[in-house]
PDB file of N, CA and C in Angstrom:
ATOM      1  N   MET A   1       0.610  26.118 -45.964  1.00  0.00           N
ATOM      2  CA  MET A   1       1.848  25.623 -44.717  1.00  0.00           C
ATOM      3  C   MET A   1       3.158  25.076 -45.173  1.00  0.00           C
ATOM      4  N   GLY A   2       2.931  24.667 -46.505  1.00  0.00           N
ATOM      5  CA  GLY A   2       4.307  23.958 -46.792  1.00  0.00           C
ATOM      6  C   GLY A   2       4.202  22.249 -46.763  1.00  0.00           C
ATOM      7  N   TYR A   3       3.003  21.814 -46.558  1.00  0.00           N
ATOM      8  CA  TYR A   3       2.807  20.362 -46.565  1.00  0.00           C
ATOM      9  C   TYR A   3       2.215  19.989 -47.838  1.00  0.00           C
ATOM     10  N   SER A   4       3.082  19.098 -48.425  1.00  0.00           N
ATOM     11  CA  SER A   4       2.760  18.703 -49.921  1.00  0.00           C
ATOM     12  C   SER A   4       2.624  17.260 -50.121  1.00  0.00           C
ATOM     13  N   LYS A   5       1.651  16.645 -50.654  1.00  0.00           N
ATOM     14  CA  LYS A   5       1.577  15.162 -50.694  1.00  0.00           C
ATOM     15  C   LYS A   5       2.855  14.472 -51.611  1.00  0.00           C
ATOM     16  N   ASN A   6       3.307  15.521 -52.321  1.00  0.00           N
ATOM     17  CA  ASN A   6       4.276  15.105 -53.236  1.00  0.00           C
ATOM     18  C   ASN A   6       5.831  14.792 -52.316  1.00  0.00           C
ATOM     19  N   ASP A   7       5.762  15.480 -51.146  1.00  0.00           N
ATOM     20  CA  ASP A   7       6.892  15.498 -50.285  1.00  0.00           C
ATOM     21  C   ASP A   7       6.475  14.533 -49.261  1.00  0.00           C
ATOM     22  N   GLY A   8       5.724  13.447 -49.449  1.00  0.00           N
ATOM     23  CA  GLY A   8       4.987  12.574 -48.419  1.00  0.00           C
ATOM     24  C   GLY A   8       4.435  13.027 -47.199  1.00  0.00           C
ATOM     25  N   TRP A   9       3.541  14.090 -47.463  1.00  0.00           N
ATOM     26  CA  TRP A   9       2.711  14.872 -46.235  1.00  0.00           C
ATOM     27  C   TRP A   9       1.417  13.960 -46.845  1.00  0.00           C
ATOM     28  N   THR A  10       0.651  13.308 -45.699  1.00  0.00           N
ATOM     29  CA  THR A  10      -0.854  13.138 -45.940  1.00  0.00           C
ATOM     30  C   THR A  10      -1.679  14.000 -45.142  1.00  0.00           C
ATOM     31  N   ASP A  11      -2.783  14.559 -45.656  1.00  0.00           N
ATOM     32  CA  ASP A  11      -3.816  15.359 -45.150  1.00  0.00           C
ATOM     33  C   ASP A  11      -4.924  14.377 -44.425  1.00  0.00           C
ATOM     34  N   GLN A  12      -5.635  15.159 -43.205  1.00  0.00           N
ATOM     35  CA  GLN A  12      -6.448  14.325 -42.395  1.00  0.00           C
ATOM     36  C   GLN A  12      -6.048  13.006 -42.124  1.00  0.00           C
ATOM     37  N   PHE A  13      -4.764  12.844 -41.636  1.00  0.00           N
ATOM     38  CA  PHE A  13      -4.012  11.423 -41.564  1.00  0.00           C
ATOM     39  C   PHE A  13      -4.723  11.038 -40.208  1.00  0.00           C
ATOM     40  N   GLY A  14      -5.256   9.839 -40.202  1.00  0.00           N
ATOM     41  CA  GLY A  14      -5.972   9.018 -39.067  1.00  0.00           C
ATOM     42  C   GLY A  14      -7.292   8.755 -39.584  1.00  0.00           C
ATOM     43  N   SER A  15      -7.976   9.243 -40.947  1.00  0.00           N
ATOM     44  CA  SER A  15      -9.351   9.473 -41.095  1.00  0.00           C
ATOM     45  C   SER A  15      -9.608   8.016 -42.177  1.00  0.00           C
ATOM     46  N   ARG A  16      -8.735   7.752 -42.822  1.00  0.00           N
ATOM     47  CA  ARG A  16      -8.632   6.681 -43.706  1.00  0.00           C
ATOM     48  C   ARG A  16      -8.199   5.404 -43.310  1.00  0.00           C
ATOM     49  N   LYS A  17      -9.061   4.515 -43.693  1.00  0.00           N
ATOM     50  CA  LYS A  17      -8.725   2.981 -43.316  1.00  0.00           C
ATOM     51  C   LYS A  17      -7.217   2.674 -43.526  1.00  0.00           C
ATOM     52  N   SER A  18      -6.578   3.256 -44.741  1.00  0.00           N
ATOM     53  CA  SER A  18      -5.251   2.856 -45.156  1.00  0.00           C
ATOM     54  C   SER A  18      -4.310   3.691 -44.058  1.00  0.00           C
ATOM     55  N   ASP A  19      -4.831   4.544 -43.168  1.00  0.00           N
ATOM     56  CA  ASP A  19      -4.001   5.230 -42.307  1.00  0.00           C
ATOM     57  C   ASP A  19      -3.533   4.253 -41.181  1.00  0.00           C
ATOM     58  N   LEU A  20      -4.721   3.643 -40.795  1.00  0.00           N
ATOM     59  CA  LEU A  20      -4.829   2.916 -39.379  1.00  0.00           C
ATOM     60  C   LEU A  20      -3.716   2.047 -38.927  1.00  0.00           C
ATOM     61  N   GLU A  21      -2.753   1.532 -39.936  1.00  0.00           N
ATOM     62  CA  GLU A  21      -1.614   0.661 -39.520  1.00  0.00           C
ATOM     63  C   GLU A  21      -0.537   1.718 -39.125  1.00  0.00           C
ATOM     64  N   LYS A  22      -0.650   2.869 -39.545  1.00  0.00           N
ATOM     65  CA  LYS A  22       0.692   3.966 -39.469  1.00  0.00           C
ATOM     66  C   LYS A  22       0.369   4.579 -38.422  1.00  0.00           C
ATOM     67  N   VAL A  23      -0.816   5.353 -37.947  1.00  0.00           N
ATOM     68  CA  VAL A  23      -0.917   6.388 -36.938  1.00  0.00           C
ATOM     69  C   VAL A  23      -0.520   5.758 -35.792  1.00  0.00           C
ATOM     70  N   PRO A  24       0.105   7.053 -35.051  1.00  0.00           N
ATOM     71  CA  PRO A  24       0.807   6.834 -33.589  1.00  0.00           C
ATOM     72  C   PRO A  24      -0.315   6.370 -32.531  1.00  0.00           C
ATOM     73  N   VAL A  25      -1.371   6.764 -32.658  1.00  0.00           N
ATOM     74  CA  VAL A  25      -2.485   6.731 -31.571  1.00  0.00           C
ATOM     75  C   VAL A  25      -3.931   6.574 -32.616  1.00  0.00           C
ATOM     76  N   THR A  26      -4.359   5.271 -32.330  1.00  0.00           N
ATOM     77  CA  THR A  26      -5.863   5.455 -33.278  1.00  0.00           C
ATOM     78  C   THR A  26      -6.882   6.378 -32.489  1.00  0.00           C
ATOM     79  N   GLY A  27      -7.914   6.618 -33.263  1.00  0.00           N
ATOM     80  CA  GLY A  27      -8.775   7.758 -32.955  1.00  0.00           C
ATOM     81  C   GLY A  27      -8.809   8.776 -33.044  1.00  0.00           C
ATOM     82  N   ARG A  28      -7.433   9.400 -33.506  1.00  0.00           N
ATOM     83  CA  ARG A  28      -7.055  10.633 -33.632  1.00  0.00           C
ATOM     84  C   ARG A  28      -6.815  11.138 -35.227  1.00  0.00           C
ATOM     85  N   VAL A  29      -7.458  12.160 -35.443  1.00  0.00           N
ATOM     86  CA  VAL A  29      -7.052  12.647 -37.043  1.00  0.00           C
ATOM     87  C   VAL A  29      -6.292  13.761 -36.859  1.00  0.00           C
ATOM     88  N   TRP A  30      -4.991  13.904 -37.419  1.00  0.00           N
ATOM     89  CA  TRP A  30      -4.221  15.224 -37.746  1.00  0.00           C
ATOM     90  C   TRP A  30      -4.488  15.686 -39.133  1.00  0.00           C
ATOM     91  N   ASP A  31      -4.317  17.258 -38.927  1.00  0.00           N
ATOM     92  CA  ASP A  31      -4.713  17.874 -40.140  1.00  0.00           C
ATOM     93  C   ASP A  31      -3.404  17.411 -41.182  1.00  0.00           C
ATOM     94  N   TRP A  32      -2.270  16.886 -41.035  1.00  0.00           N
ATOM     95  CA  TRP A  32      -1.309  16.798 -41.840  1.00  0.00           C
ATOM     96  C   TRP A  32      -0.460  15.726 -41.077  1.00  0.00           C
ATOM     97  N   ALA A  33       0.406  14.781 -41.841  1.00  0.00           N
ATOM     98  CA  ALA A  33       1.309  13.931 -41.137  1.00  0.00           C
ATOM     99  C   ALA A  33       2.092  13.406 -42.401  1.00  0.00           C
ATOM    100  N   ASN A  34       3.183  13.000 -41.805  1.00  0.00           N
ATOM    101  CA  ASN A  34       4.266  12.284 -42.747  1.00  0.00           C
ATOM    102  C   ASN A  34       4.883  10.811 -41.841  1.00  0.00           C
ATOM    103  N   PRO A  35       4.098   9.807 -42.356  1.00  0.00           N
ATOM    104  CA  PRO A  35       4.452   8.880 -41.380  1.00  0.00           C
ATOM    105  C   PRO A  35       5.910   8.175 -41.480  1.00  0.00           C
ATOM    106  N   GLU A  36       6.504   8.820 -42.828  1.00  0.00           N
ATOM    107  CA  GLU A  36       7.815   8.126 -42.892  1.00  0.00           C
ATOM    108  C   GLU A  36       8.879   8.892 -41.955  1.00  0.00           C
ATOM    109  N   LEU A  37       8.503  10.155 -41.951  1.00  0.00           N
ATOM    110  CA  LEU A  37       9.335  11.053 -40.838  1.00  0.00           C
ATOM    111  C   LEU A  37       8.741  10.948 -39.352  1.00  0.00           C
ATOM    112  N   LYS A  38       7.755  10.287 -39.240  1.00  0.00           N
ATOM    113  CA  LYS A  38       7.191  10.229 -37.917  1.00  0.00           C
ATOM    114  C   LYS A  38       6.769  11.636 -37.371  1.00  0.00           C
ATOM    115  N   GLN A  39       6.064  12.303 -38.221  1.00  0.00           N
ATOM    116  CA  GLN A  39       5.650  13.772 -37.807  1.00  0.00           C
ATOM    117  C   GLN A  39       4.265  13.803 -38.165  1.00  0.00           C
ATOM    118  N   VAL A  40       3.392  14.459 -36.991  1.00  0.00           N
ATOM    119  CA  VAL A  40       2.249  14.786 -37.313  1.00  0.00           C
ATOM    120  C   VAL A  40       1.867  16.315 -36.984  1.00  0.00           C
ATOM    121  N   VAL A  41       0.780  16.920 -37.843  1.00  0.00           N
ATOM    122  CA  VAL A  41       0.624  18.538 -37.321  1.00  0.00           C
ATOM    123  C   VAL A  41      -0.793  18.914 -37.346  1.00  0.00           C
ATOM    124  N   GLU A  42      -1.100  19.824 -36.250  1.00  0.00           N
ATOM    125  CA  GLU A  42      -2.521  20.188 -36.001  1.00  0.00           C
ATOM    126  C   GLU A  42      -2.323  21.938 -36.388  1.00  0.00           C
ATOM    127  N   ASN A  43      -3.440  22.393 -37.251  1.00  0.00           N
ATOM    128  CA  ASN A  43      -3.446  23.534 -37.443  1.00  0.00           C
ATOM    129  C   ASN A  43      -4.538  24.218 -36.594  1.00  0.00           C
ATOM    130  N   LYS A  44      -4.411  25.053 -35.754  1.00  0.00           N
ATOM    131  CA  LYS A  44      -5.326  25.525 -34.782  1.00  0.00           C
ATOM    132  C   LYS A  44      -5.868  27.115 -35.353  1.00  0.00           C
ATOM    133  N   SER A  45      -7.145  27.594 -35.366  1.00  0.00           N
ATOM    134  CA  SER A  45      -7.296  28.886 -35.941  1.00  0.00           C
ATOM    135  C   SER A  45      -7.871  29.321 -34.569  1.00  0.00           C
ATOM    136  N   GLY A  46      -8.228  28.551 -33.726  1.00  0.00           N
ATOM    137  CA  GLY A  46      -9.138  29.058 -32.637  1.00  0.00           C
ATOM    138  C   GLY A  46      -8.897  28.267 -31.091  1.00  0.00           C
ATOM    139  N   ARG A  47      -9.598  27.899 -30.548  1.00  0.00           N
ATOM    140  CA  ARG A  47      -9.257  27.382 -29.425  1.00  0.00           C
ATOM    141  C   ARG A  47      -8.521  26.180 -29.223  1.00  0.00           C
ATOM    142  N   LEU A  48      -8.013  25.653 -28.458  1.00  0.00           N
ATOM    143  CA  LEU A  48      -7.515  24.185 -28.560  1.00  0.00           C
ATOM    144  C   LEU A  48      -8.244  23.121 -27.838  1.00  0.00           C
ATOM    145  N   ASP A  49      -7.963  22.155 -28.315  1.00  0.00           N
ATOM    146  CA  ASP A  49      -8.928  20.945 -27.566  1.00  0.00           C
ATOM    147  C   ASP A  49      -7.869  19.890 -27.016  1.00  0.00           C
ATOM    148  N   MET A  50      -8.315  20.066 -25.414  1.00  0.00           N
ATOM    149  CA  MET A  50      -7.398  19.588 -24.666  1.00  0.00           C
ATOM    150  C   MET A  50      -7.676  17.911 -24.577  1.00  0.00           C
ATOM    151  N   ASP A  51      -8.726  17.404 -25.187  1.00  0.00           N
ATOM    152  CA  ASP A  51      -8.652  15.869 -25.530  1.00  0.00           C
ATOM    153  C   ASP A  51      -7.395  15.775 -26.623  1.00  0.00           C
ATOM    154  N   GLN A  52      -7.453  16.535 -27.555  1.00  0.00           N
ATOM    155  CA  GLN A  52      -6.407  16.399 -28.608  1.00  0.00           C
ATOM    156  C   GLN A  52      -5.005  16.406 -28.183  1.00  0.00           C
ATOM    157  N   LEU A  53      -4.754  17.402 -27.385  1.00  0.00           N
ATOM    158  CA  LEU A  53      -3.446  17.770 -26.787  1.00  0.00           C
ATOM    159  C   LEU A  53      -3.121  16.265 -25.869  1.00  0.00           C
ATOM    160  N   ALA A  54      -4.023  15.502 -25.083  1.00  0.00           N
ATOM    161  CA  ALA A  54      -3.712  14.407 -24.606  1.00  0.00           C
ATOM    162  C   ALA A  54      -3.032  13.360 -25.357  1.00  0.00           C
ATOM    163  N   ILE A  55      -4.212  13.314 -26.364  1.00  0.00           N
ATOM    164  CA  ILE A  55      -3.605  11.926 -27.233  1.00  0.00           C
ATOM    165  C   ILE A  55      -2.506  12.284 -28.104  1.00  0.00           C
ATOM    166  N   ASP A  56      -2.226  13.855 -28.093  1.00  0.00           N
ATOM    167  CA  ASP A  56      -0.939  13.958 -28.890  1.00  0.00           C
ATOM    168  C   ASP A  56       0.130  13.573 -27.920  1.00  0.00           C
ATOM    169  N   GLU A  57       0.014  13.732 -26.729  1.00  0.00           N
ATOM    170  CA  GLU A  57       0.983  13.375 -25.828  1.00  0.00           C
ATOM    171  C   GLU A  57       1.582  12.006 -26.122  1.00  0.00           C
ATOM    172  N   ASP A  58       0.227  11.001 -26.099  1.00  0.00           N
ATOM    173  CA  ASP A  58       0.648   9.528 -26.382  1.00  0.00           C
ATOM    174  C   ASP A  58       1.639   9.589 -27.731  1.00  0.00           C
ATOM    175  N   ALA A  59       1.025  10.107 -28.783  1.00  0.00           N
ATOM    176  CA  ALA A  59       1.982  10.261 -29.846  1.00  0.00           C
ATOM    177  C   ALA A  59       3.573  10.456 -29.607  1.00  0.00           C
ATOM    178  N   LEU A  60       3.463  11.498 -28.903  1.00  0.00           N
ATOM    179  CA  LEU A  60       5.091  11.867 -28.609  1.00  0.00           C
ATOM    180  C   LEU A  60       5.767  11.004 -27.530  1.00  0.00           C
ATOM    181  N   GLU A  61       4.962  10.108 -26.696  1.00  0.00           N
ATOM    182  CA  GLU A  61       5.610   9.082 -25.977  1.00  0.00           C
ATOM    183  C   GLU A  61       5.873   7.703 -26.971  1.00  0.00           C
ATOM    184  N   ALA A  62       5.337   7.842 -28.042  1.00  0.00           N
ATOM    185  CA  ALA A  62       5.485   6.700 -29.146  1.00  0.00           C
ATOM    186  C   ALA A  62       6.494   7.171 -29.837  1.00  0.00           C
ATOM    187  N   GLY A  63       7.211   8.337 -29.791  1.00  0.00           N
ATOM    188  CA  GLY A  63       8.315   8.734 -30.674  1.00  0.00           C
ATOM    189  C   GLY A  63       7.861   9.556 -31.795  1.00  0.00           C
ATOM    190  N   TRP A  64       6.835   9.974 -31.826  1.00  0.00           N
ATOM    191  CA  TRP A  64       6.546  11.128 -33.065  1.00  0.00           C
ATOM    192  C   TRP A  64       6.734  12.312 -32.542  1.00  0.00           C
ATOM    193  N   ASP A  65       7.044  13.141 -33.651  1.00  0.00           N
ATOM    194  CA  ASP A  65       7.079  14.674 -33.413  1.00  0.00           C
ATOM    195  C   ASP A  65       5.659  15.278 -33.693  1.00  0.00           C
ATOM    196  N   VAL A  66       5.086  16.142 -32.942  1.00  0.00           N
ATOM    197  CA  VAL A  66       4.326  16.959 -33.129  1.00  0.00           C
ATOM    198  C   VAL A  66       4.402  18.306 -33.252  1.00  0.00           C
ATOM    199  N   THR A  67       3.583  18.912 -34.084  1.00  0.00           N
ATOM    200  CA  THR A  67       3.732  20.378 -34.417  1.00  0.00           C
ATOM    201  C   THR A  67       2.369  21.262 -34.420  1.00  0.00           C
ATOM    202  N   TYR A  68       2.322  21.988 -33.641  1.00  0.00           N
ATOM    203  CA  TYR A  68       0.901  22.856 -33.752  1.00  0.00           C
ATOM    204  C   TYR A  68       1.302  24.164 -34.148  1.00  0.00           C
ATOM    205  N   ASN A  69       0.583  24.798 -35.343  1.00  0.00           N
ATOM    206  CA  ASN A  69       0.563  25.953 -36.038  1.00  0.00           C
ATOM    207  C   ASN A  69      -0.881  26.443 -35.439  1.00  0.00           C
ATOM    208  N   ILE A  70      -0.510  27.485 -34.403  1.00  0.00           N
ATOM    209  CA  ILE A  70      -1.921  28.272 -33.805  1.00  0.00           C
ATOM    210  C   ILE A  70      -1.680  29.748 -34.196  1.00  0.00           C
ATOM    211  N   ASN A  71      -2.984  30.310 -34.253  1.00  0.00           N
ATOM    212  CA  ASN A  71      -3.322  31.604 -34.814  1.00  0.00           C
ATOM    213  C   ASN A  71      -2.691  32.580 -33.697  1.00  0.00           C
ATOM    214  N   ALA A  72      -1.617  33.317 -34.013  1.00  0.00           N
ATOM    215  CA  ALA A  72      -1.022  34.305 -33.250  1.00  0.00           C
ATOM    216  C   ALA A  72      -2.034  35.030 -32.750  1.00  0.00           C
ATOM    217  N   LYS A  73      -3.061  35.718 -33.284  1.00  0.00           N
ATOM    218  CA  LYS A  73      -3.934  36.845 -32.953  1.00  0.00           C
ATOM    219  C   LYS A  73      -5.131  35.942 -32.169  1.00  0.00           C
ATOM    220  N   HIS A  74      -5.211  34.691 -31.758  1.00  0.00           N
ATOM    221  CA  HIS A  74      -6.595  34.463 -31.125  1.00  0.00           C
ATOM    222  C   HIS A  74      -6.134  34.390 -29.611  1.00  0.00           C
ATOM    223  N   PRO A  75      -7.165  34.613 -29.082  1.00  0.00           N
ATOM    224  CA  PRO A  75      -6.558  35.040 -27.429  1.00  0.00           C
ATOM    225  C   PRO A  75      -6.974  33.647 -26.431  1.00  0.00           C
ATOM    226  N   TYR A  76      -5.785  33.001 -26.744  1.00  0.00           N
ATOM    227  CA  TYR A  76      -5.655  31.376 -26.096  1.00  0.00           C
ATOM    228  C   TYR A  76      -5.814  31.776 -24.710  1.00  0.00           C
ATOM    229  N   THR A  77      -6.468  30.888 -23.883  1.00  0.00           N
ATOM    230  CA  THR A  77      -6.463  30.940 -22.266  1.00  0.00           C
ATOM    231  C   THR A  77      -5.194  30.741 -21.639  1.00  0.00           C
ATOM    232  N   ALA A  78      -4.972  30.882 -20.487  1.00  0.00           N
ATOM    233  CA  ALA A  78      -3.865  30.761 -19.808  1.00  0.00           C
ATOM    234  C   ALA A  78      -3.670  29.027 -19.580  1.00  0.00           C
ATOM    235  N   GLY A  79      -4.955  28.663 -19.529  1.00  0.00           N
ATOM    236  CA  GLY A  79      -4.759  27.295 -19.544  1.00  0.00           C
ATOM    237  C   GLY A  79      -4.078  26.685 -20.819  1.00  0.00           C
ATOM    238  N   GLU A  80      -4.602  27.011 -21.887  1.00  0.00           N
ATOM    239  CA  GLU A  80      -4.351  26.576 -23.114  1.00  0.00           C
ATOM    240  C   GLU A  80      -2.983  26.664 -23.424  1.00  0.00           C
ATOM    241  N   LEU A  81      -2.440  27.838 -22.959  1.00  0.00           N
ATOM    242  CA  LEU A  81      -0.877  28.177 -23.362  1.00  0.00           C
ATOM    243  C   LEU A  81      -0.091  27.133 -22.314  1.00  0.00           C
ATOM    244  N   ALA A  82      -0.515  27.185 -20.952  1.00  0.00           N
ATOM    245  CA  ALA A  82       0.187  26.453 -20.167  1.00  0.00           C
ATOM    246  C   ALA A  82       0.242  24.924 -20.428  1.00  0.00           C
ATOM    247  N   ALA A  83      -0.793  24.225 -21.166  1.00  0.00           N
ATOM    248  CA  ALA A  83      -0.731  22.844 -21.736  1.00  0.00           C
ATOM    249  C   ALA A  83       0.240  22.969 -22.911  1.00  0.00           C
ATOM    250  N   LEU A  84       0.169  23.799 -23.714  1.00  0.00           N
ATOM    251  CA  LEU A  84       1.382  23.927 -25.016  1.00  0.00           C
ATOM    252  C   LEU A  84       2.887  23.788 -24.356  1.00  0.00           C
ATOM    253  N   GLN A  85       3.134  24.699 -23.345  1.00  0.00           N
ATOM    254  CA  GLN A  85       4.124  24.916 -22.492  1.00  0.00           C
ATOM    255  C   GLN A  85       4.767  23.774 -21.998  1.00  0.00           C
ATOM    256  N   ARG A  86       3.815  23.113 -21.222  1.00  0.00           N
ATOM    257  CA  ARG A  86       4.304  21.843 -20.575  1.00  0.00           C
ATOM    258  C   ARG A  86       4.583  20.681 -21.700  1.00  0.00           C
ATOM    259  N   LEU A  87       3.973  20.547 -22.558  1.00  0.00           N
ATOM    260  CA  LEU A  87       4.424  19.655 -23.961  1.00  0.00           C
ATOM    261  C   LEU A  87       5.608  20.204 -24.456  1.00  0.00           C
ATOM    262  N   GLN A  88       5.975  21.529 -24.465  1.00  0.00           N
ATOM    263  CA  GLN A  88       7.291  21.923 -25.044  1.00  0.00           C
ATOM    264  C   GLN A  88       8.219  21.726 -24.171  1.00  0.00           C
ATOM    265  N   ASP A  89       8.041  21.834 -22.908  1.00  0.00           N
ATOM    266  CA  ASP A  89       9.129  21.768 -21.892  1.00  0.00           C
ATOM    267  C   ASP A  89       9.581  20.177 -21.650  1.00  0.00           C
ATOM    268  N   LYS A  90       8.197  19.333 -21.697  1.00  0.00           N
ATOM    269  CA  LYS A  90       8.676  17.732 -21.485  1.00  0.00           C
ATOM    270  C   LYS A  90       9.189  17.167 -22.857  1.00  0.00           C
ATOM    271  N   TYR A  91       8.644  17.826 -23.790  1.00  0.00           N
ATOM    272  CA  TYR A  91       9.137  17.419 -25.360  1.00  0.00           C
ATOM    273  C   TYR A  91       9.967  18.164 -26.175  1.00  0.00           C
ATOM    274  N   PRO A  92      10.954  18.974 -25.548  1.00  0.00           N
ATOM    275  CA  PRO A  92      11.714  19.827 -26.420  1.00  0.00           C
ATOM    276  C   PRO A  92      12.014  19.487 -27.553  1.00  0.00           C
ATOM    277  N   ASP A  93      12.471  18.287 -27.925  1.00  0.00           N
ATOM    278  CA  ASP A  93      12.942  18.061 -29.383  1.00  0.00           C
ATOM    279  C   ASP A  93      11.733  17.456 -30.244  1.00  0.00           C
ATOM    280  N   GLN A  94      10.581  17.180 -29.880  1.00  0.00           N
ATOM    281  CA  GLN A  94       9.704  16.700 -30.408  1.00  0.00           C
ATOM    282  C   GLN A  94       8.268  17.513 -30.690  1.00  0.00           C
ATOM    283  N   PHE A  95       8.071  18.278 -29.456  1.00  0.00           N
ATOM    284  CA  PHE A  95       6.945  19.087 -29.685  1.00  0.00           C
ATOM    285  C   PHE A  95       7.078  20.772 -30.006  1.00  0.00           C
ATOM    286  N   THR A  96       6.787  21.044 -30.825  1.00  0.00           N
ATOM    287  CA  THR A  96       6.871  22.508 -31.770  1.00  0.00           C
ATOM    288  C   THR A  96       5.490  23.250 -31.924  1.00  0.00           C
ATOM    289  N   VAL A  97       5.454  24.349 -31.376  1.00  0.00           N
ATOM    290  CA  VAL A  97       4.402  25.305 -31.592  1.00  0.00           C
ATOM    291  C   VAL A  97       4.777  26.621 -32.292  1.00  0.00           C
ATOM    292  N   ASN A  98       4.200  26.691 -33.447  1.00  0.00           N
ATOM    293  CA  ASN A  98       4.598  27.918 -34.182  1.00  0.00           C
ATOM    294  C   ASN A  98       3.134  28.961 -34.132  1.00  0.00           C
ATOM    295  N   ARG A  99       3.523  30.040 -33.881  1.00  0.00           N
ATOM    296  CA  ARG A  99       2.359  31.073 -33.733  1.00  0.00           C
ATOM    297  C   ARG A  99       2.506  31.767 -35.054  1.00  0.00           C
ATOM    298  N   LEU A 100       1.318  31.399 -36.053  1.00  0.00           N
ATOM    299  CA  LEU A 100       1.341  32.092 -37.166  1.00  0.00           C
ATOM    300  C   LEU A 100       0.040  32.950 -37.139  1.00  0.00           C
TER     301      LEU A 100
END
């Protein structure tokens, strides 16, 4: 997906003790993050976790950018799509959804 440790990206961001001072919200692990750019990424091949989305909104409120890379072939529910759209509408310059 283009996220490289050589470019400042950290995988499983929030899972290591060394991440804890940098994470925008404790208790959440993102697939990728670039703390210097204040960006986190979540890759989803299936259903969305609404609890994660709620925490991600806290990260957005803290000034971080959040990207969701979702499976274009997965049949997301109307509720899941509405939750993504709500965040895109509320944080248009910070919350991105890529359908891959």
